[in-house]
C-alpha atoms as a PDB file:
ATOM      1  CA  MET A   1      25.240 -68.715  14.394  1.00  0.00           C
ATOM      2  CA  ARG A   2      23.335 -69.463  17.554  1.00  0.00           C
ATOM      3  CA  ILE A   3      19.734 -68.326  18.041  1.00  0.00           C
ATOM      4  CA  THR A   4      20.789 -65.909  20.808  1.00  0.00           C
ATOM      5  CA  GLU A   5      23.333 -64.188  18.542  1.00  0.00           C
ATOM      6  CA  ARG A   6      20.844 -63.950  15.711  1.00  0.00           C
ATOM      7  CA  ARG A   7      18.285 -62.413  18.077  1.00  0.00           C
ATOM      8  CA  MET A   8      20.827 -59.853  19.271  1.00  0.00           C
ATOM      9  CA  LEU A   9      21.592 -58.804  15.697  1.00  0.00           C
ATOM     10  CA  LEU A  10      17.884 -58.580  14.877  1.00  0.00           C
ATOM     11  CA  GLN A  11      17.188 -56.462  17.942  1.00  0.00           C
ATOM     12  CA  ALA A  12      20.120 -54.202  17.141  1.00  0.00           C
ATOM     13  CA  ALA A  13      18.932 -53.752  13.543  1.00  0.00           C
ATOM     14  CA  THR A  14      15.438 -52.954  14.835  1.00  0.00           C
ATOM     15  CA  GLN A  15      16.857 -50.274  17.129  1.00  0.00           C
ATOM     16  CA  VAL A  16      18.819 -48.772  14.221  1.00  0.00           C
ATOM     17  CA  ALA A  17      15.653 -48.641  12.092  1.00  0.00           C
ATOM     18  CA  LYS A  18      13.710 -46.965  14.900  1.00  0.00           C
ATOM     19  CA  ALA A  19      16.541 -44.486  15.415  1.00  0.00           C
ATOM     20  CA  ARG A  20      16.501 -43.633  11.693  1.00  0.00           C
ATOM     21  CA  GLU A  21      12.760 -43.054  11.844  1.00  0.00           C
ATOM     22  CA  ARG A  22      13.253 -40.750  14.826  1.00  0.00           C
ATOM     23  CA  VAL A  23      15.944 -38.767  12.974  1.00  0.00           C
ATOM     24  CA  SER A  24      13.698 -38.489   9.929  1.00  0.00           C
ATOM     25  CA  ALA A  25      10.778 -37.292  12.058  1.00  0.00           C
ATOM     26  CA  ALA A  26      13.029 -34.744  13.821  1.00  0.00           C
ATOM     27  CA  SER A  27      14.592 -33.529  10.567  1.00  0.00           C
ATOM     28  CA  GLU A  28      11.366 -32.604   8.795  1.00  0.00           C
ATOM     29  CA  PRO A  29      10.248 -29.878  11.262  1.00  0.00           C
ATOM     30  CA  VAL A  30      13.749 -28.389  11.242  1.00  0.00           C
ATOM     31  CA  SER A  31      13.819 -28.240   7.442  1.00  0.00           C
ATOM     32  CA  THR A  32      10.236 -26.968   6.999  1.00  0.00           C
ATOM     33  CA  GLY A  33       9.918 -24.896  10.162  1.00  0.00           C
ATOM     34  CA  LEU A  34       6.559 -26.569  10.786  1.00  0.00           C
ATOM     35  CA  GLU A  35       5.565 -28.908  13.564  1.00  0.00           C
ATOM     36  CA  VAL A  36       2.081 -29.321  12.110  1.00  0.00           C
ATOM     37  CA  SER A  37       2.270 -29.476   8.320  1.00  0.00           C
ATOM     38  CA  LYS A  38      -0.914 -31.391   7.517  1.00  0.00           C
ATOM     39  CA  PRO A  39      -4.357 -31.862   9.112  1.00  0.00           C
ATOM     40  CA  SER A  40      -3.563 -35.370  10.307  1.00  0.00           C
ATOM     41  CA  ASP A  41      -0.718 -34.037  12.476  1.00  0.00           C
ATOM     42  CA  ASP A  42      -3.160 -32.091  14.661  1.00  0.00           C
ATOM     43  CA  PRO A  43      -6.508 -31.063  13.103  1.00  0.00           C
ATOM     44  CA  ALA A  44      -7.237 -28.231  15.550  1.00  0.00           C
ATOM     45  CA  ARG A  45      -3.765 -26.681  15.361  1.00  0.00           C
ATOM     46  CA  TRP A  46      -3.618 -27.093  11.585  1.00  0.00           C
ATOM     47  CA  ALA A  47      -6.985 -25.286  11.213  1.00  0.00           C
ATOM     48  CA  ALA A  48      -5.868 -22.449  13.515  1.00  0.00           C
ATOM     49  CA  GLY A  49      -2.623 -22.072  11.585  1.00  0.00           C
ATOM     50  CA  ARG A  50      -4.471 -22.083   8.274  1.00  0.00           C
ATOM     51  CA  ARG A  51      -6.831 -19.330   9.433  1.00  0.00           C
ATOM     52  CA  ALA A  52      -3.923 -17.195  10.623  1.00  0.00           C
ATOM     53  CA  LYS A  53      -2.053 -17.761   7.346  1.00  0.00           C
ATOM     54  CA  LEU A  54      -5.039 -16.742   5.218  1.00  0.00           C
ATOM     55  CA  ARG A  55      -5.568 -13.594   7.274  1.00  0.00           C
ATOM     56  CA  LEU A  56      -1.886 -12.786   6.889  1.00  0.00           C
ATOM     57  CA  GLN A  57      -2.194 -13.107   3.098  1.00  0.00           C
ATOM     58  CA  VAL A  58      -5.232 -10.811   3.056  1.00  0.00           C
ATOM     59  CA  GLY A  59      -3.332  -8.388   5.262  1.00  0.00           C
ATOM     60  CA  GLU A  60      -0.458  -8.315   2.787  1.00  0.00           C
ATOM     61  CA  LEU A  61      -2.903  -7.366   0.026  1.00  0.00           C
ATOM     62  CA  ARG A  62      -4.272  -4.580   2.238  1.00  0.00           C
ATOM     63  CA  GLU A  63      -0.767  -3.245   2.794  1.00  0.00           C
ATOM     64  CA  GLN A  64      -0.176  -3.216  -0.960  1.00  0.00           C
ATOM     65  CA  ALA A  65      -3.452  -1.317  -1.466  1.00  0.00           C
ATOM     66  CA  ILE A  66      -2.475   1.173   1.243  1.00  0.00           C
ATOM     67  CA  GLY A  67       0.919   1.719  -0.369  1.00  0.00           C
ATOM     68  CA  SER A  68      -0.468   2.271  -3.875  1.00  0.00           C
ATOM     69  CA  SER A  69      -3.193   4.553  -2.507  1.00  0.00           C
ATOM     70  CA  ASN A  70      -0.617   6.635  -0.665  1.00  0.00           C
ATOM     71  CA  SER A  71       1.377   6.972  -3.882  1.00  0.00           C
ATOM     72  CA  ARG A  72      -1.752   8.030  -5.743  1.00  0.00           C
ATOM     73  CA  LEU A  73      -2.502  10.671  -3.124  1.00  0.00           C
ATOM     74  CA  SER A  74       1.059  11.979  -3.379  1.00  0.00           C
ATOM     75  CA  GLU A  75       0.584  12.353  -7.139  1.00  0.00           C
ATOM     76  CA  SER A  76      -2.724  14.146  -6.526  1.00  0.00           C
ATOM     77  CA  GLU A  77      -1.047  16.476  -4.041  1.00  0.00           C
ATOM     78  CA  ARG A  78       1.516  17.450  -6.666  1.00  0.00           C
ATOM     79  CA  ALA A  79      -1.313  18.257  -9.075  1.00  0.00           C
ATOM     80  CA  PHE A  80      -2.983  20.443  -6.437  1.00  0.00           C
ATOM     81  CA  SER A  81       0.340  22.119  -5.708  1.00  0.00           C
ATOM     82  CA  THR A  82       0.729  23.079  -9.364  1.00  0.00           C
ATOM     83  CA  VAL A  83      -2.815  24.424  -9.585  1.00  0.00           C
ATOM     84  CA  GLY A  84      -2.259  26.354  -6.356  1.00  0.00           C
ATOM     85  CA  GLU A  85       0.870  27.979  -7.784  1.00  0.00           C
ATOM     86  CA  VAL A  86      -1.048  28.924 -10.932  1.00  0.00           C
ATOM     87  CA  ILE A  87      -3.865  30.518  -8.949  1.00  0.00           C
ATOM     88  CA  SER A  88      -1.472  32.392  -6.666  1.00  0.00           C
ATOM     89  CA  ARG A  89       0.417  33.781  -9.661  1.00  0.00           C
ATOM     90  CA  SER A  90      -2.852  34.745 -11.344  1.00  0.00           C
ATOM     91  CA  ARG A  91      -3.967  36.621  -8.254  1.00  0.00           C
ATOM     92  CA  GLU A  92      -0.673  38.530  -8.234  1.00  0.00           C
ATOM     93  CA  LEU A  93      -1.246  39.465 -11.870  1.00  0.00           C
ATOM     94  CA  ALA A  94      -4.804  40.555 -11.082  1.00  0.00           C
ATOM     95  CA  VAL A  95      -3.580  42.895  -8.346  1.00  0.00           C
ATOM     96  CA  LEU A  96      -1.010  44.385 -10.740  1.00  0.00           C
ATOM     97  CA  ALA A  97      -3.482  44.660 -13.610  1.00  0.00           C
ATOM     98  CA  ALA A  98      -6.041  46.391 -11.386  1.00  0.00           C
ATOM     99  CA  ASN A  99      -3.606  49.279 -11.050  1.00  0.00           C
ATOM    100  CA  GLY A 100      -5.007  52.187 -12.974  1.00  0.00           C
ATOM    101  CA  ALA A 101      -1.508  52.991 -14.239  1.00  0.00           C
ATOM    102  CA  GLN A 102      -1.566  49.988 -16.574  1.00  0.00           C
ATOM    103  CA  ASN A 103      -2.935  50.342 -20.082  1.00  0.00           C
ATOM    104  CA  ALA A 104      -4.751  48.095 -22.533  1.00  0.00           C
ATOM    105  CA  GLU A 105      -1.516  46.927 -24.155  1.00  0.00           C
ATOM    106  CA  SER A 106       0.070  45.767 -20.891  1.00  0.00           C
ATOM    107  CA  ARG A 107      -3.151  44.038 -19.849  1.00  0.00           C
ATOM    108  CA  LEU A 108      -3.339  42.229 -23.170  1.00  0.00           C
ATOM    109  CA  ALA A 109       0.213  40.978 -22.610  1.00  0.00           C
ATOM    110  CA  THR A 110      -0.804  39.811 -19.138  1.00  0.00           C
ATOM    111  CA  SER A 111      -3.768  37.948 -20.618  1.00  0.00           C
ATOM    112  CA  LYS A 112      -1.370  35.800 -22.621  1.00  0.00           C
ATOM    113  CA  GLU A 113       0.447  34.773 -19.457  1.00  0.00           C
ATOM    114  CA  VAL A 114      -2.882  33.966 -17.809  1.00  0.00           C
ATOM    115  CA  ALA A 115      -3.854  31.840 -20.815  1.00  0.00           C
ATOM    116  CA  ALA A 116      -0.589  29.910 -20.419  1.00  0.00           C
ATOM    117  CA  LEU A 117      -1.252  29.519 -16.702  1.00  0.00           C
ATOM    118  CA  PHE A 118      -4.747  28.187 -17.482  1.00  0.00           C
ATOM    119  CA  ASP A 119      -3.219  25.521 -19.727  1.00  0.00           C
ATOM    120  CA  GLU A 120      -0.672  24.603 -17.040  1.00  0.00           C
ATOM    121  CA  ALA A 121      -3.418  24.183 -14.451  1.00  0.00           C
ATOM    122  CA  LEU A 122      -5.522  22.130 -16.861  1.00  0.00           C
ATOM    123  CA  VAL A 123      -2.644  19.745 -17.536  1.00  0.00           C
ATOM    124  CA  ALA A 124      -2.099  19.323 -13.792  1.00  0.00           C
ATOM    125  CA  ALA A 125      -5.805  18.745 -13.113  1.00  0.00           C
ATOM    126  CA  ASN A 126      -5.828  16.071 -15.828  1.00  0.00           C
ATOM    127  CA  THR A 127      -2.807  14.258 -14.423  1.00  0.00           C
ATOM    128  CA  ARG A 128      -2.686  10.489 -14.829  1.00  0.00           C
ATOM    129  CA  GLY A 129      -1.530   8.222 -12.032  1.00  0.00           C
ATOM    130  CA  SER A 130       1.137   5.555 -12.351  1.00  0.00           C
ATOM    131  CA  ASP A 131      -1.638   3.100 -13.250  1.00  0.00           C
ATOM    132  CA  GLY A 132      -2.581   5.226 -16.283  1.00  0.00           C
ATOM    133  CA  GLU A 133      -5.909   6.411 -14.863  1.00  0.00           C
ATOM    134  CA  TYR A 134      -6.801  10.061 -14.345  1.00  0.00           C
ATOM    135  CA  LEU A 135      -6.338  10.920 -10.685  1.00  0.00           C
ATOM    136  CA  LEU A 136      -9.165  13.407 -10.171  1.00  0.00           C
ATOM    137  CA  ALA A 137     -11.948  11.861 -12.300  1.00  0.00           C
ATOM    138  CA  GLY A 138     -13.648   9.932  -9.499  1.00  0.00           C
ATOM    139  CA  SER A 139     -14.862   6.566 -10.786  1.00  0.00           C
ATOM    140  CA  ARG A 140     -14.421   7.689 -14.406  1.00  0.00           C
ATOM    141  CA  GLY A 141     -10.671   7.336 -14.401  1.00  0.00           C
ATOM    142  CA  GLU A 142     -10.490   6.278 -18.040  1.00  0.00           C
ATOM    143  CA  ASN A 143     -11.383   9.801 -19.256  1.00  0.00           C
ATOM    144  CA  PRO A 144      -9.850  13.246 -18.509  1.00  0.00           C
ATOM    145  CA  PRO A 145     -11.778  14.885 -15.664  1.00  0.00           C
ATOM    146  CA  PHE A 146     -11.707  18.350 -17.283  1.00  0.00           C
ATOM    147  CA  ASP A 147     -12.433  19.288 -20.889  1.00  0.00           C
ATOM    148  CA  ALA A 148     -10.491  21.904 -22.833  1.00  0.00           C
ATOM    149  CA  THR A 149     -12.540  24.733 -21.311  1.00  0.00           C
ATOM    150  CA  GLY A 150     -12.026  23.506 -17.735  1.00  0.00           C
ATOM    151  CA  VAL A 151     -15.520  22.030 -17.264  1.00  0.00           C
ATOM    152  CA  TYR A 152     -15.519  19.023 -14.943  1.00  0.00           C
ATOM    153  CA  GLN A 153     -16.483  15.753 -16.643  1.00  0.00           C
ATOM    154  CA  GLY A 154     -15.822  13.316 -13.790  1.00  0.00           C
ATOM    155  CA  ASP A 155     -18.060  12.345 -10.881  1.00  0.00           C
ATOM    156  CA  THR A 156     -18.047  12.720  -7.100  1.00  0.00           C
ATOM    157  CA  ASN A 157     -17.261   9.090  -6.276  1.00  0.00           C
ATOM    158  CA  ALA A 158     -14.093   8.841  -4.223  1.00  0.00           C
ATOM    159  CA  ARG A 159     -12.458   5.424  -4.171  1.00  0.00           C
ATOM    160  CA  THR A 160     -12.233   3.421  -0.976  1.00  0.00           C
ATOM    161  CA  ILE A 161     -10.166   0.458   0.169  1.00  0.00           C
ATOM    162  CA  GLU A 162     -10.460  -1.991   3.046  1.00  0.00           C
ATOM    163  CA  ALA A 163      -7.700  -0.674   5.270  1.00  0.00           C
ATOM    164  CA  ALA A 164      -8.488  -3.102   8.113  1.00  0.00           C
ATOM    165  CA  GLU A 165     -10.887  -5.956   8.750  1.00  0.00           C
ATOM    166  CA  GLY A 166     -14.368  -4.425   8.503  1.00  0.00           C
ATOM    167  CA  SER A 167     -13.049  -0.878   7.976  1.00  0.00           C
ATOM    168  CA  ARG A 168     -12.887   1.084   4.725  1.00  0.00           C
ATOM    169  CA  LEU A 169     -11.141   4.395   3.999  1.00  0.00           C
ATOM    170  CA  ALA A 170     -11.544   6.930   1.200  1.00  0.00           C
ATOM    171  CA  VAL A 171      -8.250   7.131  -0.677  1.00  0.00           C
ATOM    172  CA  THR A 172      -8.868   9.626  -3.495  1.00  0.00           C
ATOM    173  CA  VAL A 173     -10.084  13.169  -4.016  1.00  0.00           C
ATOM    174  CA  THR A 174     -12.006  14.337  -7.062  1.00  0.00           C
ATOM    175  CA  GLY A 175     -11.894  17.341  -9.338  1.00  0.00           C
ATOM    176  CA  THR A 176     -15.033  18.694  -7.699  1.00  0.00           C
ATOM    177  CA  LEU A 177     -12.635  20.464  -5.333  1.00  0.00           C
ATOM    178  CA  PHE A 178     -11.850  22.782  -8.266  1.00  0.00           C
ATOM    179  CA  THR A 179     -15.508  23.488  -9.048  1.00  0.00           C
ATOM    180  CA  ALA A 180     -18.257  25.699  -7.692  1.00  0.00           C
ATOM    181  CA  ALA A 181     -19.458  22.739  -5.624  1.00  0.00           C
ATOM    182  CA  SER A 182     -16.540  23.512  -3.301  1.00  0.00           C
ATOM    183  CA  GLY A 183     -16.695  27.321  -3.490  1.00  0.00           C
ATOM    184  CA  VAL A 184     -15.806  28.806  -6.873  1.00  0.00           C
ATOM    185  CA  ASP A 185     -15.121  27.306 -10.277  1.00  0.00           C
ATOM    186  CA  ILE A 186     -11.370  27.767 -10.477  1.00  0.00           C
ATOM    187  CA  PHE A 187     -11.085  27.433 -14.235  1.00  0.00           C
ATOM    188  CA  ASP A 188     -14.044  29.746 -14.736  1.00  0.00           C
ATOM    189  CA  GLU A 189     -12.355  32.356 -12.518  1.00  0.00           C
ATOM    190  CA  LEU A 190      -9.202  32.133 -14.632  1.00  0.00           C
ATOM    191  CA  THR A 191     -11.260  32.455 -17.819  1.00  0.00           C
ATOM    192  CA  LYS A 192     -13.149  35.507 -16.572  1.00  0.00           C
ATOM    193  CA  PHE A 193      -9.898  37.149 -15.489  1.00  0.00           C
ATOM    194  CA  ARG A 194      -8.269  36.473 -18.874  1.00  0.00           C
ATOM    195  CA  ASP A 195     -11.305  37.843 -20.735  1.00  0.00           C
ATOM    196  CA  ALA A 196     -11.359  40.965 -18.562  1.00  0.00           C
ATOM    197  CA  LEU A 197      -7.696  41.560 -19.405  1.00  0.00           C
ATOM    198  CA  VAL A 198      -8.334  41.157 -23.136  1.00  0.00           C
ATOM    199  CA  ALA A 199     -11.263  43.563 -22.937  1.00  0.00           C
ATOM    200  CA  ASP A 200      -9.298  46.024 -20.772  1.00  0.00           C
ATOM    201  CA  ASP A 201     -12.206  45.771 -18.325  1.00  0.00           C
ATOM    202  CA  LEU A 202     -10.866  47.340 -15.121  1.00  0.00           C
ATOM    203  CA  ALA A 203     -13.981  46.512 -13.079  1.00  0.00           C
ATOM    204  CA  GLY A 204     -13.860  42.894 -14.260  1.00  0.00           C
ATOM    205  CA  ILE A 205     -10.168  42.686 -13.351  1.00  0.00           C
ATOM    206  CA  GLN A 206     -10.856  44.079  -9.878  1.00  0.00           C
ATOM    207  CA  ASN A 207     -13.718  41.631  -9.377  1.00  0.00           C
ATOM    208  CA  ALA A 208     -11.415  38.761 -10.380  1.00  0.00           C
ATOM    209  CA  ILE A 209      -9.162  39.379  -7.387  1.00  0.00           C
ATOM    210  CA  GLY A 210     -11.792  38.179  -4.897  1.00  0.00           C
ATOM    211  CA  GLY A 211     -12.600  35.068  -6.928  1.00  0.00           C
ATOM    212  CA  LEU A 212      -8.935  34.175  -7.255  1.00  0.00           C
ATOM    213  CA  GLU A 213      -8.388  34.678  -3.524  1.00  0.00           C
ATOM    214  CA  GLN A 214     -11.225  32.236  -2.878  1.00  0.00           C
ATOM    215  CA  ALA A 215      -9.652  29.830  -5.356  1.00  0.00           C
ATOM    216  CA  VAL A 216      -6.313  29.996  -3.516  1.00  0.00           C
ATOM    217  CA  HIS A 217      -8.083  29.135  -0.263  1.00  0.00           C
ATOM    218  CA  GLN A 218     -10.035  26.379  -1.986  1.00  0.00           C
ATOM    219  CA  VAL A 219      -6.907  24.672  -3.313  1.00  0.00           C
ATOM    220  CA  SER A 220      -5.330  24.904   0.154  1.00  0.00           C
ATOM    221  CA  LEU A 221      -8.342  23.124   1.645  1.00  0.00           C
ATOM    222  CA  GLY A 222      -8.019  20.436  -1.019  1.00  0.00           C
ATOM    223  CA  ARG A 223      -4.375  19.886  -0.160  1.00  0.00           C
ATOM    224  CA  ALA A 224      -5.298  19.692   3.529  1.00  0.00           C
ATOM    225  CA  GLU A 225      -7.910  17.048   2.692  1.00  0.00           C
ATOM    226  CA  ILE A 226      -5.285  15.024   0.835  1.00  0.00           C
ATOM    227  CA  GLY A 227      -2.961  15.328   3.827  1.00  0.00           C
ATOM    228  CA  GLY A 228      -5.722  14.059   6.110  1.00  0.00           C
ATOM    229  CA  LEU A 229      -6.314  11.024   3.902  1.00  0.00           C
ATOM    230  CA  GLN A 230      -2.591  10.260   3.856  1.00  0.00           C
ATOM    231  CA  SER A 231      -2.446  10.530   7.631  1.00  0.00           C
ATOM    232  CA  SER A 232      -5.335   8.058   7.920  1.00  0.00           C
ATOM    233  CA  LEU A 233      -3.549   5.671   5.572  1.00  0.00           C
ATOM    234  CA  ASP A 234      -0.330   5.960   7.572  1.00  0.00           C
ATOM    235  CA  SER A 235      -2.250   5.072  10.745  1.00  0.00           C
ATOM    236  CA  ALA A 236      -3.929   2.162   8.977  1.00  0.00           C
ATOM    237  CA  GLU A 237      -0.570   0.913   7.724  1.00  0.00           C
ATOM    238  CA  SER A 238       0.912   1.063  11.220  1.00  0.00           C
ATOM    239  CA  ALA A 239      -2.085  -0.810  12.631  1.00  0.00           C
ATOM    240  CA  SER A 240      -1.797  -3.367   9.832  1.00  0.00           C
ATOM    241  CA  VAL A 241       1.846  -4.043  10.697  1.00  0.00           C
ATOM    242  CA  ASP A 242       0.945  -4.512  14.382  1.00  0.00           C
ATOM    243  CA  PHE A 243      -1.900  -6.855  13.450  1.00  0.00           C
ATOM    244  CA  GLU A 244       0.412  -8.814  11.161  1.00  0.00           C
ATOM    245  CA  ILE A 245       2.750  -9.388  14.093  1.00  0.00           C
ATOM    246  CA  VAL A 246      -0.164 -10.738  16.162  1.00  0.00           C
ATOM    247  CA  LEU A 247      -1.235 -13.076  13.355  1.00  0.00           C
ATOM    248  CA  SER A 248       2.328 -14.252  12.827  1.00  0.00           C
ATOM    249  CA  GLU A 249       2.543 -15.146  16.504  1.00  0.00           C
ATOM    250  CA  LYS A 250      -0.766 -17.028  16.253  1.00  0.00           C
ATOM    251  CA  HIS A 251       0.512 -18.950  13.237  1.00  0.00           C
ATOM    252  CA  GLN A 252       3.752 -19.698  15.044  1.00  0.00           C
ATOM    253  CA  ARG A 253       1.973 -21.032  18.128  1.00  0.00           C
ATOM    254  CA  ALA A 254      -0.385 -23.112  16.002  1.00  0.00           C
ATOM    255  CA  VAL A 255       1.900 -24.899  13.572  1.00  0.00           C
ATOM    256  CA  GLU A 256       5.498 -23.725  13.716  1.00  0.00           C
ATOM    257  CA  ILE A 257       8.288 -25.405  15.626  1.00  0.00           C
ATOM    258  CA  ASP A 258      10.140 -24.264  18.697  1.00  0.00           C
ATOM    259  CA  PRO A 259      13.581 -23.914  17.066  1.00  0.00           C
ATOM    260  CA  ILE A 260      15.546 -24.778  20.211  1.00  0.00           C
ATOM    261  CA  LYS A 261      13.346 -27.725  21.075  1.00  0.00           C
ATOM    262  CA  ALA A 262      13.415 -29.011  17.478  1.00  0.00           C
ATOM    263  CA  ALA A 263      17.187 -28.674  17.209  1.00  0.00           C
ATOM    264  CA  SER A 264      17.646 -30.470  20.527  1.00  0.00           C
ATOM    265  CA  GLU A 265      15.382 -33.316  19.420  1.00  0.00           C
ATOM    266  CA  LEU A 266      17.290 -33.670  16.138  1.00  0.00           C
ATOM    267  CA  ALA A 267      20.625 -33.699  17.977  1.00  0.00           C
ATOM    268  CA  LEU A 268      19.400 -36.335  20.462  1.00  0.00           C
ATOM    269  CA  SER A 269      17.881 -38.534  17.772  1.00  0.00           C
ATOM    270  CA  THR A 270      21.038 -38.282  15.667  1.00  0.00           C
ATOM    271  CA  GLN A 271      23.158 -39.217  18.654  1.00  0.00           C
ATOM    272  CA  ALA A 272      20.856 -42.172  19.389  1.00  0.00           C
ATOM    273  CA  LEU A 273      21.167 -43.356  15.787  1.00  0.00           C
ATOM    274  CA  GLN A 274      24.934 -43.161  15.907  1.00  0.00           C
ATOM    275  CA  THR A 275      24.968 -45.104  19.172  1.00  0.00           C
ATOM    276  CA  SER A 276      22.654 -47.789  17.747  1.00  0.00           C
ATOM    277  CA  GLN A 277      24.768 -48.108  14.606  1.00  0.00           C
ATOM    278  CA  ALA A 278      27.975 -48.410  16.647  1.00  0.00           C
ATOM    279  CA  LEU A 279      26.395 -51.051  18.882  1.00  0.00           C
ATOM    280  CA  THR A 280      25.173 -53.034  15.896  1.00  0.00           C
ATOM    281  CA  GLU A 281      28.619 -52.976  14.324  1.00  0.00           C
ATOM    282  CA  ARG A 282      30.153 -54.165  17.608  1.00  0.00           C
ATOM    283  CA  ILE A 283      27.665 -57.035  17.924  1.00  0.00           C
ATOM    284  CA  ALA A 284      28.345 -58.042  14.311  1.00  0.00           C
ATOM    285  CA  GLN A 285      32.099 -58.064  14.998  1.00  0.00           C
ATOM    286  CA  VAL A 286      31.637 -60.211  18.091  1.00  0.00           C
ATOM    287  CA  VAL A 287      29.390 -62.649  16.257  1.00  0.00           C
ATOM    288  CA  GLN A 288      31.865 -62.977  13.394  1.00  0.00           C
ATOM    289  CA  ALA A 289      34.706 -63.602  15.790  1.00  0.00           C
ATOM    290  CA  VAL A 290      32.908 -66.503  17.470  1.00  0.00           C
END
């Protein structure tokens, strides 16, 4: 084999090796979706992409917190709904029992229904969330917020979450909305009404109507507060989704490939490799034939 022929084969093999390297370099971005996958590729772009990725991960945790908080508020709203129904029914019974046509026996029978309603409201007020904690106990979620007599045992500390960068939102209500701190003590009003029925105390029954009316209003305000918190969470969730889109675009610009450009580069490099391989085979055939 002459020196010229050997040099031609060597040059052809070198071109094939370079073409393979180009295909390998073009294949990696297509398979990973990343143009900058390590700091050495482009330190500035890698750092920008890393920052965007970390903020995206934190944002995902915020969205999870918003979702679980919204679920918790929905459970709290159901508890308030039950208590509201109990109070409304009790007020109806108070209006009926205040009728002078009723007697001690009928009022005693009514007192038993009120006692059952009290228990129903107590169970609702001591509802546990899906996480096993008591919804209305404030920061004392491991213990029932109300004791057997309806006295509040929790605290006034509503929970908050970071709903956006640098912004926190309250995401719970407490059982204080059922206490005198918010108007009247709802369970105390039910107890006084029940006792007045047992004692056939007409004046006490008539006085109970006003307290129960206030309690109905109080529960309605509590439900409105829950609705306001849910609305704030919905807005925060929408803003979080918009912000996630912005961060995703930042991450894409920093480190991700341009799919069309990357696919075109892979196609061109593959074509170049095939051409180099075909040329090398042709040169080898020519050399062998000489």
